[in-house]
PDB file of N, CA and C in Angstrom:
ATOM      1  N   MET A   1     100.905  47.259-108.697  1.00  0.00           N
ATOM      2  CA  MET A   1     101.593  46.089-109.201  1.00  0.00           C
ATOM      3  C   MET A   1     102.248  45.359-108.034  1.00  0.00           C
ATOM      4  N   THR A   2     102.109  44.041-108.017  1.00  0.00           N
ATOM      5  CA  THR A   2     102.723  43.262-106.947  1.00  0.00           C
ATOM      6  C   THR A   2     103.866  42.436-107.506  1.00  0.00           C
ATOM      7  N   ALA A   3     104.801  42.122-106.654  1.00  0.00           N
ATOM      8  CA  ALA A   3     105.946  41.309-107.066  1.00  0.00           C
ATOM      9  C   ALA A   3     105.509  39.857-107.245  1.00  0.00           C
ATOM     10  N   THR A   4     106.134  39.168-108.165  1.00  0.00           N
ATOM     11  CA  THR A   4     105.849  37.759-108.387  1.00  0.00           C
ATOM     12  C   THR A   4     106.456  36.943-107.265  1.00  0.00           C
ATOM     13  N   ARG A   5     105.729  35.941-106.852  1.00  0.00           N
ATOM     14  CA  ARG A   5     106.225  35.065-105.788  1.00  0.00           C
ATOM     15  C   ARG A   5     106.450  33.667-106.346  1.00  0.00           C
ATOM     16  N   SER A   6     107.374  32.944-105.743  1.00  0.00           N
ATOM     17  CA  SER A   6     107.622  31.561-106.128  1.00  0.00           C
ATOM     18  C   SER A   6     106.464  30.697-105.662  1.00  0.00           C
ATOM     19  N   PRO A   7     106.123  29.660-106.421  1.00  0.00           N
ATOM     20  CA  PRO A   7     105.053  28.771-105.983  1.00  0.00           C
ATOM     21  C   PRO A   7     105.487  27.969-104.756  1.00  0.00           C
ATOM     22  N   ASP A   8     104.525  27.502-104.013  1.00  0.00           N
ATOM     23  CA  ASP A   8     104.792  26.684-102.835  1.00  0.00           C
ATOM     24  C   ASP A   8     105.339  25.330-103.296  1.00  0.00           C
ATOM     25  N   PRO A   9     106.596  25.000-102.959  1.00  0.00           N
ATOM     26  CA  PRO A   9     107.173  23.741-103.443  1.00  0.00           C
ATOM     27  C   PRO A   9     106.529  22.497-102.831  1.00  0.00           C
ATOM     28  N   THR A  10     105.693  22.677-101.814  1.00  0.00           N
ATOM     29  CA  THR A  10     105.011  21.529-101.216  1.00  0.00           C
ATOM     30  C   THR A  10     103.588  21.365-101.744  1.00  0.00           C
ATOM     31  N   ALA A  11     103.170  22.245-102.660  1.00  0.00           N
ATOM     32  CA  ALA A  11     101.834  22.142-103.244  1.00  0.00           C
ATOM     33  C   ALA A  11     101.727  20.850-104.060  1.00  0.00           C
ATOM     34  N   GLN A  12     100.594  20.199-103.980  1.00  0.00           N
ATOM     35  CA  GLN A  12     100.422  18.910-104.642  1.00  0.00           C
ATOM     36  C   GLN A  12     100.637  18.983-106.152  1.00  0.00           C
ATOM     37  N   HIS A  13     100.173  20.045-106.804  1.00  0.00           N
ATOM     38  CA  HIS A  13     100.350  20.105-108.258  1.00  0.00           C
ATOM     39  C   HIS A  13     101.825  20.255-108.634  1.00  0.00           C
ATOM     40  N   ILE A  14     102.607  20.908-107.793  1.00  0.00           N
ATOM     41  CA  ILE A  14     104.046  21.041-108.044  1.00  0.00           C
ATOM     42  C   ILE A  14     104.731  19.687-107.847  1.00  0.00           C
ATOM     43  N   LEU A  15     104.377  18.998-106.782  1.00  0.00           N
ATOM     44  CA  LEU A  15     104.967  17.686-106.510  1.00  0.00           C
ATOM     45  C   LEU A  15     104.616  16.685-107.611  1.00  0.00           C
ATOM     46  N   ARG A  16     103.364  16.706-108.089  1.00  0.00           N
ATOM     47  CA  ARG A  16     102.960  15.801-109.180  1.00  0.00           C
ATOM     48  C   ARG A  16     103.735  16.113-110.460  1.00  0.00           C
ATOM     49  N   PHE A  17     103.901  17.403-110.750  1.00  0.00           N
ATOM     50  CA  PHE A  17     104.644  17.802-111.944  1.00  0.00           C
ATOM     51  C   PHE A  17     106.080  17.299-111.881  1.00  0.00           C
ATOM     52  N   CYS A  18     106.746  17.495-110.752  1.00  0.00           N
ATOM     53  CA  CYS A  18     108.124  17.025-110.594  1.00  0.00           C
ATOM     54  C   CYS A  18     108.192  15.503-110.738  1.00  0.00           C
ATOM     55  N   GLU A  19     107.260  14.815-110.149  1.00  0.00           N
ATOM     56  CA  GLU A  19     107.227  13.350-110.219  1.00  0.00           C
ATOM     57  C   GLU A  19     107.019  12.880-111.655  1.00  0.00           C
ATOM     58  N   MET A  20     106.228  13.618-112.406  1.00  0.00           N
ATOM     59  CA  MET A  20     105.959  13.265-113.798  1.00  0.00           C
ATOM     60  C   MET A  20     107.231  13.409-114.648  1.00  0.00           C
ATOM     61  N   ILE A  21     108.028  14.434-114.362  1.00  0.00           N
ATOM     62  CA  ILE A  21     109.238  14.680-115.150  1.00  0.00           C
ATOM     63  C   ILE A  21     110.367  13.735-114.742  1.00  0.00           C
ATOM     64  N   VAL A  22     110.628  13.657-113.437  1.00  0.00           N
ATOM     65  CA  VAL A  22     111.692  12.796-112.914  1.00  0.00           C
ATOM     66  C   VAL A  22     111.154  12.086-111.677  1.00  0.00           C
ATOM     67  N   PRO A  23     110.813  10.802-111.804  1.00  0.00           N
ATOM     68  CA  PRO A  23     110.293  10.074-110.648  1.00  0.00           C
ATOM     69  C   PRO A  23     111.238  10.173-109.450  1.00  0.00           C
ATOM     70  N   GLY A  24     110.666  10.523-108.305  1.00  0.00           N
ATOM     71  CA  GLY A  24     111.445  10.662-107.076  1.00  0.00           C
ATOM     72  C   GLY A  24     112.044  12.050-106.876  1.00  0.00           C
ATOM     73  N   ALA A  25     111.883  12.923-107.863  1.00  0.00           N
ATOM     74  CA  ALA A  25     112.453  14.269-107.753  1.00  0.00           C
ATOM     75  C   ALA A  25     111.654  15.111-106.763  1.00  0.00           C
ATOM     76  N   ARG A  26     112.338  16.024-106.120  1.00  0.00           N
ATOM     77  CA  ARG A  26     111.701  16.964-105.198  1.00  0.00           C
ATOM     78  C   ARG A  26     112.050  18.374-105.659  1.00  0.00           C
ATOM     79  N   PRO A  27     111.095  19.288-105.602  1.00  0.00           N
ATOM     80  CA  PRO A  27     111.383  20.662-106.036  1.00  0.00           C
ATOM     81  C   PRO A  27     112.309  21.385-105.061  1.00  0.00           C
ATOM     82  N   LEU A  28     113.111  22.271-105.603  1.00  0.00           N
ATOM     83  CA  LEU A  28     114.004  23.113-104.810  1.00  0.00           C
ATOM     84  C   LEU A  28     113.738  24.571-105.148  1.00  0.00           C
ATOM     85  N   LEU A  29     113.803  25.421-104.161  1.00  0.00           N
ATOM     86  CA  LEU A  29     113.715  26.856-104.417  1.00  0.00           C
ATOM     87  C   LEU A  29     115.129  27.376-104.629  1.00  0.00           C
ATOM     88  N   MET A  30     115.317  28.080-105.711  1.00  0.00           N
ATOM     89  CA  MET A  30     116.614  28.654-106.021  1.00  0.00           C
ATOM     90  C   MET A  30     116.644  30.091-105.524  1.00  0.00           C
ATOM     91  N   PRO A  31     117.770  30.518-104.941  1.00  0.00           N
ATOM     92  CA  PRO A  31     117.846  31.910-104.497  1.00  0.00           C
ATOM     93  C   PRO A  31     117.835  32.856-105.698  1.00  0.00           C
ATOM     94  N   ILE A  32     117.132  33.946-105.564  1.00  0.00           N
ATOM     95  CA  ILE A  32     117.058  34.945-106.615  1.00  0.00           C
ATOM     96  C   ILE A  32     117.697  36.215-106.090  1.00  0.00           C
ATOM     97  N   ARG A  33     118.740  36.645-106.785  1.00  0.00           N
ATOM     98  CA  ARG A  33     119.438  37.860-106.375  1.00  0.00           C
ATOM     99  C   ARG A  33     119.497  38.803-107.566  1.00  0.00           C
ATOM    100  N   PRO A  34     118.922  39.964-107.449  1.00  0.00           N
ATOM    101  CA  PRO A  34     118.977  40.907-108.566  1.00  0.00           C
ATOM    102  C   PRO A  34     120.401  41.415-108.770  1.00  0.00           C
ATOM    103  N   SER A  35     120.711  41.761-110.007  1.00  0.00           N
ATOM    104  CA  SER A  35     122.031  42.342-110.263  1.00  0.00           C
ATOM    105  C   SER A  35     122.084  43.727-109.629  1.00  0.00           C
ATOM    106  N   ALA A  36     123.269  44.234-109.457  1.00  0.00           N
ATOM    107  CA  ALA A  36     123.459  45.500-108.760  1.00  0.00           C
ATOM    108  C   ALA A  36     122.738  46.668-109.428  1.00  0.00           C
ATOM    109  N   ASP A  37     122.600  46.623-110.750  1.00  0.00           N
ATOM    110  CA  ASP A  37     121.959  47.740-111.448  1.00  0.00           C
ATOM    111  C   ASP A  37     120.520  47.449-111.880  1.00  0.00           C
ATOM    112  N   SER A  38     119.903  46.416-111.329  1.00  0.00           N
ATOM    113  CA  SER A  38     118.506  46.099-111.651  1.00  0.00           C
ATOM    114  C   SER A  38     117.552  47.141-111.071  1.00  0.00           C
ATOM    115  N   GLN A  39     116.471  47.372-111.796  1.00  0.00           N
ATOM    116  CA  GLN A  39     115.433  48.287-111.336  1.00  0.00           C
ATOM    117  C   GLN A  39     114.294  47.468-110.726  1.00  0.00           C
ATOM    118  N   PRO A  40     113.791  47.837-109.564  1.00  0.00           N
ATOM    119  CA  PRO A  40     112.698  47.103-108.928  1.00  0.00           C
ATOM    120  C   PRO A  40     111.467  47.028-109.837  1.00  0.00           C
ATOM    121  N   LEU A  41     110.869  45.843-109.887  1.00  0.00           N
ATOM    122  CA  LEU A  41     109.625  45.590-110.622  1.00  0.00           C
ATOM    123  C   LEU A  41     109.711  45.948-112.108  1.00  0.00           C
ATOM    124  N   ASP A  42     110.872  45.765-112.705  1.00  0.00           N
ATOM    125  CA  ASP A  42     111.060  46.066-114.124  1.00  0.00           C
ATOM    126  C   ASP A  42     111.776  44.888-114.783  1.00  0.00           C
ATOM    127  N   CYS A  43     111.169  43.700-114.666  1.00  0.00           N
ATOM    128  CA  CYS A  43     111.861  42.477-115.066  1.00  0.00           C
ATOM    129  C   CYS A  43     112.209  42.432-116.552  1.00  0.00           C
ATOM    130  N   PHE A  44     111.338  42.950-117.421  1.00  0.00           N
ATOM    131  CA  PHE A  44     111.626  42.865-118.851  1.00  0.00           C
ATOM    132  C   PHE A  44     112.846  43.705-119.222  1.00  0.00           C
ATOM    133  N   SER A  45     112.920  44.918-118.727  1.00  0.00           N
ATOM    134  CA  SER A  45     114.084  45.759-118.992  1.00  0.00           C
ATOM    135  C   SER A  45     115.336  45.191-118.341  1.00  0.00           C
ATOM    136  N   ASN A  46     115.198  44.679-117.131  1.00  0.00           N
ATOM    137  CA  ASN A  46     116.344  44.082-116.443  1.00  0.00           C
ATOM    138  C   ASN A  46     116.878  42.884-117.216  1.00  0.00           C
ATOM    139  N   ALA A  47     115.987  42.026-117.688  1.00  0.00           N
ATOM    140  CA  ALA A  47     116.399  40.840-118.451  1.00  0.00           C
ATOM    141  C   ALA A  47     117.073  41.243-119.750  1.00  0.00           C
ATOM    142  N   ARG A  48     116.501  42.226-120.446  1.00  0.00           N
ATOM    143  CA  ARG A  48     117.082  42.710-121.691  1.00  0.00           C
ATOM    144  C   ARG A  48     118.495  43.246-121.447  1.00  0.00           C
ATOM    145  N   GLN A  49     118.651  44.033-120.403  1.00  0.00           N
ATOM    146  CA  GLN A  49     119.951  44.609-120.088  1.00  0.00           C
ATOM    147  C   GLN A  49     120.955  43.517-119.723  1.00  0.00           C
ATOM    148  N   LEU A  50     120.539  42.557-118.943  1.00  0.00           N
ATOM    149  CA  LEU A  50     121.435  41.470-118.535  1.00  0.00           C
ATOM    150  C   LEU A  50     121.828  40.622-119.748  1.00  0.00           C
ATOM    151  N   ALA A  51     120.903  40.383-120.664  1.00  0.00           N
ATOM    152  CA  ALA A  51     121.201  39.587-121.859  1.00  0.00           C
ATOM    153  C   ALA A  51     122.224  40.288-122.750  1.00  0.00           C
ATOM    154  N   GLN A  52     122.202  41.592-122.777  1.00  0.00           N
ATOM    155  CA  GLN A  52     123.150  42.345-123.612  1.00  0.00           C
ATOM    156  C   GLN A  52     124.543  42.341-123.004  1.00  0.00           C
ATOM    157  N   VAL A  53     124.625  42.241-121.688  1.00  0.00           N
ATOM    158  CA  VAL A  53     125.915  42.290-120.995  1.00  0.00           C
ATOM    159  C   VAL A  53     126.623  40.946-121.066  1.00  0.00           C
ATOM    160  N   THR A  54     125.858  39.856-120.968  1.00  0.00           N
ATOM    161  CA  THR A  54     126.483  38.517-120.898  1.00  0.00           C
ATOM    162  C   THR A  54     126.616  37.872-122.242  1.00  0.00           C
TER     163      THR A  54
END
């Protein structure tokens, strides 16, 4: 199993999508920081646990 990667924000299909939603918009990469008790490569369980806490 491989980790999911963010799409290339300079890819043409990403730029076209952003332009379609908000003319003149540019994509931004948001920092992703796992919570202290997250388990590697277990996003569904991590999300479920985080949803119960917040």
